[in-house]
C-alpha atoms as a PDB file:
ATOM      1  CA  MET A   1       0.000   0.000   0.000  1.00  0.00           C
ATOM      2  CA  ASN A   2       1.454   3.373  -0.939  1.00  0.00           C
ATOM      3  CA  ASP A   3       0.837   6.650   0.909  1.00  0.00           C
ATOM      4  CA  GLN A   4      -1.956   7.725  -1.451  1.00  0.00           C
ATOM      5  CA  ASP A   5      -3.773   4.402  -0.983  1.00  0.00           C
ATOM      6  CA  ALA A   6      -3.664   4.887   2.791  1.00  0.00           C
ATOM      7  CA  LEU A   7      -5.476   8.210   2.434  1.00  0.00           C
ATOM      8  CA  ASN A   8      -8.194   6.617   0.306  1.00  0.00           C
ATOM      9  CA  ASN A   9      -8.443   3.381   2.259  1.00  0.00           C
ATOM     10  CA  GLU A  10     -12.048   2.286   2.713  1.00  0.00           C
ATOM     11  CA  ASN A  11     -11.297   1.386   6.353  1.00  0.00           C
ATOM     12  CA  TRP A  12     -11.284   5.035   7.387  1.00  0.00           C
ATOM     13  CA  LEU A  13     -14.309   6.146   9.392  1.00  0.00           C
ATOM     14  CA  VAL A  14     -15.238   9.635   8.197  1.00  0.00           C
ATOM     15  CA  GLU A  15     -17.094  11.933  10.538  1.00  0.00           C
ATOM     16  CA  ARG A  16     -18.190  15.508   9.755  1.00  0.00           C
ATOM     17  CA  LEU A  17     -18.073  17.878  12.712  1.00  0.00           C
ATOM     18  CA  PRO A  18     -18.655  21.585  13.204  1.00  0.00           C
ATOM     19  CA  TYR A  19     -15.527  23.643  12.641  1.00  0.00           C
ATOM     20  CA  THR A  20     -14.052  25.197  15.772  1.00  0.00           C
ATOM     21  CA  GLU A  21     -12.589  28.636  15.208  1.00  0.00           C
ATOM     22  CA  ASP A  22      -9.021  28.991  16.400  1.00  0.00           C
ATOM     23  CA  CYS A  23      -9.047  31.640  19.105  1.00  0.00           C
ATOM     24  CA  PRO A  24      -5.836  33.533  19.802  1.00  0.00           C
ATOM     25  CA  ALA A  25      -3.787  31.859  22.510  1.00  0.00           C
ATOM     26  CA  ARG A  26      -2.425  34.122  25.222  1.00  0.00           C
ATOM     27  CA  GLY A  27      -0.393  31.539  27.122  1.00  0.00           C
ATOM     28  CA  PHE A  28       1.861  28.522  26.887  1.00  0.00           C
ATOM     29  CA  LEU A  29       2.273  25.835  29.549  1.00  0.00           C
ATOM     30  CA  GLN A  30       4.854  23.058  29.533  1.00  0.00           C
ATOM     31  CA  LEU A  31       4.333  20.087  31.825  1.00  0.00           C
ATOM     32  CA  CYS A  32       5.199  16.472  32.427  1.00  0.00           C
ATOM     33  CA  ALA A  33       3.066  13.906  30.633  1.00  0.00           C
ATOM     34  CA  ASP A  34       2.248  12.345  34.040  1.00  0.00           C
ATOM     35  CA  ARG A  35      -1.392  13.325  34.534  1.00  0.00           C
ATOM     36  CA  ARG A  36      -1.358  13.228  38.349  1.00  0.00           C
ATOM     37  CA  PHE A  37      -0.515  16.923  38.590  1.00  0.00           C
ATOM     38  CA  HIS A  38      -2.067  18.351  35.409  1.00  0.00           C
ATOM     39  CA  LYS A  39      -5.220  19.639  37.073  1.00  0.00           C
ATOM     40  CA  CYS A  40      -3.504  21.542  39.882  1.00  0.00           C
ATOM     41  CA  ILE A  41      -0.798  23.005  37.614  1.00  0.00           C
ATOM     42  CA  GLN A  42      -3.294  24.039  34.927  1.00  0.00           C
ATOM     43  CA  ARG A  43      -5.606  25.594  37.538  1.00  0.00           C
ATOM     44  CA  ALA A  44      -2.710  27.572  39.029  1.00  0.00           C
ATOM     45  CA  PHE A  45      -1.431  28.700  35.622  1.00  0.00           C
ATOM     46  CA  LYS A  46      -4.874  29.916  34.529  1.00  0.00           C
ATOM     47  CA  GLU A  47      -5.315  31.755  37.827  1.00  0.00           C
ATOM     48  CA  ASP A  48      -1.809  33.258  37.917  1.00  0.00           C
ATOM     49  CA  ALA A  49      -1.868  34.296  34.248  1.00  0.00           C
ATOM     50  CA  GLY A  50      -5.425  35.653  34.410  1.00  0.00           C
ATOM     51  CA  LEU A  51      -6.722  33.222  31.809  1.00  0.00           C
ATOM     52  CA  THR A  52     -10.357  32.124  31.818  1.00  0.00           C
ATOM     53  CA  SER A  53     -10.421  29.064  29.597  1.00  0.00           C
ATOM     54  CA  ARG A  54      -8.250  26.106  28.662  1.00  0.00           C
ATOM     55  CA  GLU A  55      -8.510  27.360  25.079  1.00  0.00           C
ATOM     56  CA  ASP A  56      -6.568  30.471  26.163  1.00  0.00           C
ATOM     57  CA  TYR A  57      -3.256  28.625  26.191  1.00  0.00           C
ATOM     58  CA  TRP A  58      -1.184  25.989  24.427  1.00  0.00           C
ATOM     59  CA  ILE A  59       0.088  22.953  26.305  1.00  0.00           C
ATOM     60  CA  HIS A  60       3.278  21.001  25.653  1.00  0.00           C
ATOM     61  CA  ALA A  61       3.746  17.785  27.612  1.00  0.00           C
ATOM     62  CA  ASP A  62       6.409  15.095  27.722  1.00  0.00           C
ATOM     63  CA  ALA A  63       8.031  12.888  30.342  1.00  0.00           C
ATOM     64  CA  GLY A  64      10.086  14.925  32.793  1.00  0.00           C
ATOM     65  CA  GLY A  65       8.364  18.238  32.151  1.00  0.00           C
ATOM     66  CA  THR A  66      10.314  21.427  31.512  1.00  0.00           C
ATOM     67  CA  PRO A  67      13.767  20.208  32.620  1.00  0.00           C
ATOM     68  CA  LYS A  68      13.690  17.231  30.245  1.00  0.00           C
ATOM     69  CA  MET A  69      12.159  19.286  27.420  1.00  0.00           C
ATOM     70  CA  GLU A  70      14.760  22.050  27.323  1.00  0.00           C
ATOM     71  CA  CYS A  71      15.936  21.082  23.832  1.00  0.00           C
ATOM     72  CA  GLN A  72      12.369  20.791  22.496  1.00  0.00           C
ATOM     73  CA  ARG A  73      12.081  24.383  21.284  1.00  0.00           C
ATOM     74  CA  ILE A  74       9.664  24.120  18.345  1.00  0.00           C
ATOM     75  CA  THR A  75       6.484  24.604  20.378  1.00  0.00           C
ATOM     76  CA  PRO A  76       7.630  27.303  22.838  1.00  0.00           C
ATOM     77  CA  ASP A  77       9.417  29.185  20.034  1.00  0.00           C
ATOM     78  CA  TYR A  78       6.323  28.981  17.818  1.00  0.00           C
ATOM     79  CA  CYS A  79       4.086  30.267  20.601  1.00  0.00           C
ATOM     80  CA  TYR A  80       6.442  33.082  21.613  1.00  0.00           C
ATOM     81  CA  ILE A  81       7.708  34.179  18.190  1.00  0.00           C
ATOM     82  CA  ASN A  82       4.842  33.388  15.808  1.00  0.00           C
ATOM     83  CA  LYS A  83       1.808  33.648  18.090  1.00  0.00           C
ATOM     84  CA  LYS A  84       3.199  36.446  20.304  1.00  0.00           C
ATOM     85  CA  VAL A  85       2.363  34.549  23.497  1.00  0.00           C
ATOM     86  CA  LYS A  86       3.698  36.445  26.499  1.00  0.00           C
ATOM     87  CA  LEU A  87       2.456  34.261  29.384  1.00  0.00           C
ATOM     88  CA  MET A  88       4.676  31.194  29.711  1.00  0.00           C
ATOM     89  CA  GLY A  89       4.439  28.425  32.293  1.00  0.00           C
ATOM     90  CA  TRP A  90       7.171  25.920  33.134  1.00  0.00           C
ATOM     91  CA  SER A  91       6.710  22.942  35.416  1.00  0.00           C
ATOM     92  CA  ALA A  92       7.925  19.658  36.765  1.00  0.00           C
ATOM     93  CA  HIS A  93       6.928  17.333  39.579  1.00  0.00           C
ATOM     94  CA  GLY A  94       8.428  15.051  42.163  1.00  0.00           C
ATOM     95  CA  ALA A  95       6.881  12.053  43.890  1.00  0.00           C
ATOM     96  CA  GLY A  96       8.282   9.645  41.323  1.00  0.00           C
ATOM     97  CA  CYS A  97       8.675  11.238  37.905  1.00  0.00           C
ATOM     98  CA  GLY A  98       9.112   8.651  35.172  1.00  0.00           C
ATOM     99  CA  GLY A  99      10.984  11.138  32.987  1.00  0.00           C
ATOM    100  CA  PHE A 100      13.756  11.375  35.571  1.00  0.00           C
ATOM    101  CA  GLY A 101      13.433   7.902  37.058  1.00  0.00           C
ATOM    102  CA  GLU A 102      11.081   7.200  39.908  1.00  0.00           C
ATOM    103  CA  GLU A 103      13.959   6.960  42.393  1.00  0.00           C
ATOM    104  CA  VAL A 104      15.247  10.505  41.687  1.00  0.00           C
ATOM    105  CA  PRO A 105      14.575  12.717  44.731  1.00  0.00           C
ATOM    106  CA  ASP A 106      12.342  15.783  44.528  1.00  0.00           C
ATOM    107  CA  ASP A 107      15.161  18.227  45.318  1.00  0.00           C
ATOM    108  CA  VAL A 108      17.140  17.066  42.256  1.00  0.00           C
ATOM    109  CA  ILE A 109      14.142  17.559  39.939  1.00  0.00           C
ATOM    110  CA  LYS A 110      13.265  20.908  41.524  1.00  0.00           C
ATOM    111  CA  ARG A 111      16.869  22.112  41.072  1.00  0.00           C
ATOM    112  CA  GLU A 112      16.780  21.073  37.382  1.00  0.00           C
ATOM    113  CA  LEU A 113      13.478  22.935  36.950  1.00  0.00           C
ATOM    114  CA  CYS A 114      15.040  26.038  38.514  1.00  0.00           C
ATOM    115  CA  ASN A 115      18.091  25.892  36.242  1.00  0.00           C
ATOM    116  CA  THR A 116      15.998  25.382  33.105  1.00  0.00           C
ATOM    117  CA  MET A 117      13.519  28.077  34.102  1.00  0.00           C
ATOM    118  CA  GLN A 118      16.336  30.628  34.503  1.00  0.00           C
ATOM    119  CA  ARG A 119      17.507  29.883  30.948  1.00  0.00           C
ATOM    120  CA  ASN A 120      13.914  30.145  29.651  1.00  0.00           C
ATOM    121  CA  VAL A 121      13.443  33.536  31.309  1.00  0.00           C
ATOM    122  CA  ARG A 122      16.478  34.779  29.346  1.00  0.00           C
ATOM    123  CA  LYS A 123      15.420  33.044  26.098  1.00  0.00           C
ATOM    124  CA  TYR A 124      11.926  34.593  26.168  1.00  0.00           C
ATOM    125  CA  PRO A 125      12.645  38.014  27.712  1.00  0.00           C
ATOM    126  CA  LEU A 126       9.354  39.734  26.867  1.00  0.00           C
ATOM    127  CA  ALA A 127       7.209  37.077  28.548  1.00  0.00           C
ATOM    128  CA  THR A 128       5.936  36.792  32.087  1.00  0.00           C
ATOM    129  CA  HIS A 129       7.022  33.392  33.399  1.00  0.00           C
ATOM    130  CA  PHE A 130       5.174  31.157  35.846  1.00  0.00           C
ATOM    131  CA  ILE A 131       7.054  28.265  37.451  1.00  0.00           C
ATOM    132  CA  TYR A 132       5.421  25.287  39.148  1.00  0.00           C
ATOM    133  CA  PHE A 133       6.729  22.306  41.059  1.00  0.00           C
ATOM    134  CA  ALA A 134       4.212  19.746  42.324  1.00  0.00           C
ATOM    135  CA  THR A 135       4.823  16.877  44.693  1.00  0.00           C
ATOM    136  CA  VAL A 136       3.129  14.797  47.362  1.00  0.00           C
ATOM    137  CA  VAL A 137       3.704  15.384  51.081  1.00  0.00           C
ATOM    138  CA  ASP A 138       1.904  13.332  53.717  1.00  0.00           C
ATOM    139  CA  GLY A 139      -0.711  12.186  51.225  1.00  0.00           C
ATOM    140  CA  GLU A 140      -1.484  15.687  49.931  1.00  0.00           C
ATOM    141  CA  THR A 141      -0.471  17.406  46.709  1.00  0.00           C
ATOM    142  CA  VAL A 142       1.764  20.397  47.371  1.00  0.00           C
ATOM    143  CA  LEU A 143       2.306  22.996  44.641  1.00  0.00           C
ATOM    144  CA  TYR A 144       5.191  25.464  44.722  1.00  0.00           C
ATOM    145  CA  ARG A 145       4.661  28.574  42.562  1.00  0.00           C
ATOM    146  CA  MET A 146       6.894  31.382  41.371  1.00  0.00           C
ATOM    147  CA  LYS A 147       6.540  34.270  38.929  1.00  0.00           C
ATOM    148  CA  ALA A 148       9.129  36.217  36.918  1.00  0.00           C
ATOM    149  CA  GLU A 149       8.117  39.454  35.213  1.00  0.00           C
ATOM    150  CA  PRO A 150       9.581  40.273  31.766  1.00  0.00           C
ATOM    151  CA  GLY A 151      13.327  40.741  32.008  1.00  0.00           C
ATOM    152  CA  GLU A 152      13.399  39.931  35.721  1.00  0.00           C
ATOM    153  CA  GLU A 153      16.278  37.795  36.930  1.00  0.00           C
ATOM    154  CA  ILE A 154      15.035  35.595  39.738  1.00  0.00           C
ATOM    155  CA  VAL A 155      16.829  33.229  42.028  1.00  0.00           C
ATOM    156  CA  CYS A 156      15.254  29.855  42.361  1.00  0.00           C
ATOM    157  CA  THR A 157      16.397  27.500  45.086  1.00  0.00           C
ATOM    158  CA  SER A 158      15.430  23.881  45.490  1.00  0.00           C
ATOM    159  CA  ASP A 159      14.767  24.240  49.226  1.00  0.00           C
END
């Protein structure tokens, strides 16, 4: 079967749906693919960035979150340069992150998030940056939050 045959294959189920207009995105949020912390990080990002809907921002997820995605620049560059997004969120989590290895301690992951975030603040200087680290303490989710205004150099510690 060649590529053209695959497109015309009778096994495709074709469904016609209403077209959804693409609304301008105001934000970008990068997170780990582990879904345990998506809800709390997305809620905090929307609140901190003053966004009202999940359609207000792009998401970019992969194992390990921001620290492990530092070289994956296509999506954040596209959002910042092409779409003029100026609200950027960066995150990672502890409590056993598969992207780092479940045995890697929280302080190591948090330190890597801090280092990567500082480089991102310099790479995207006109954006406001929101930084999140989620973990579990005594059976509860704990979310650490930080904000860097455009051009602001911030110090991030893993403590």
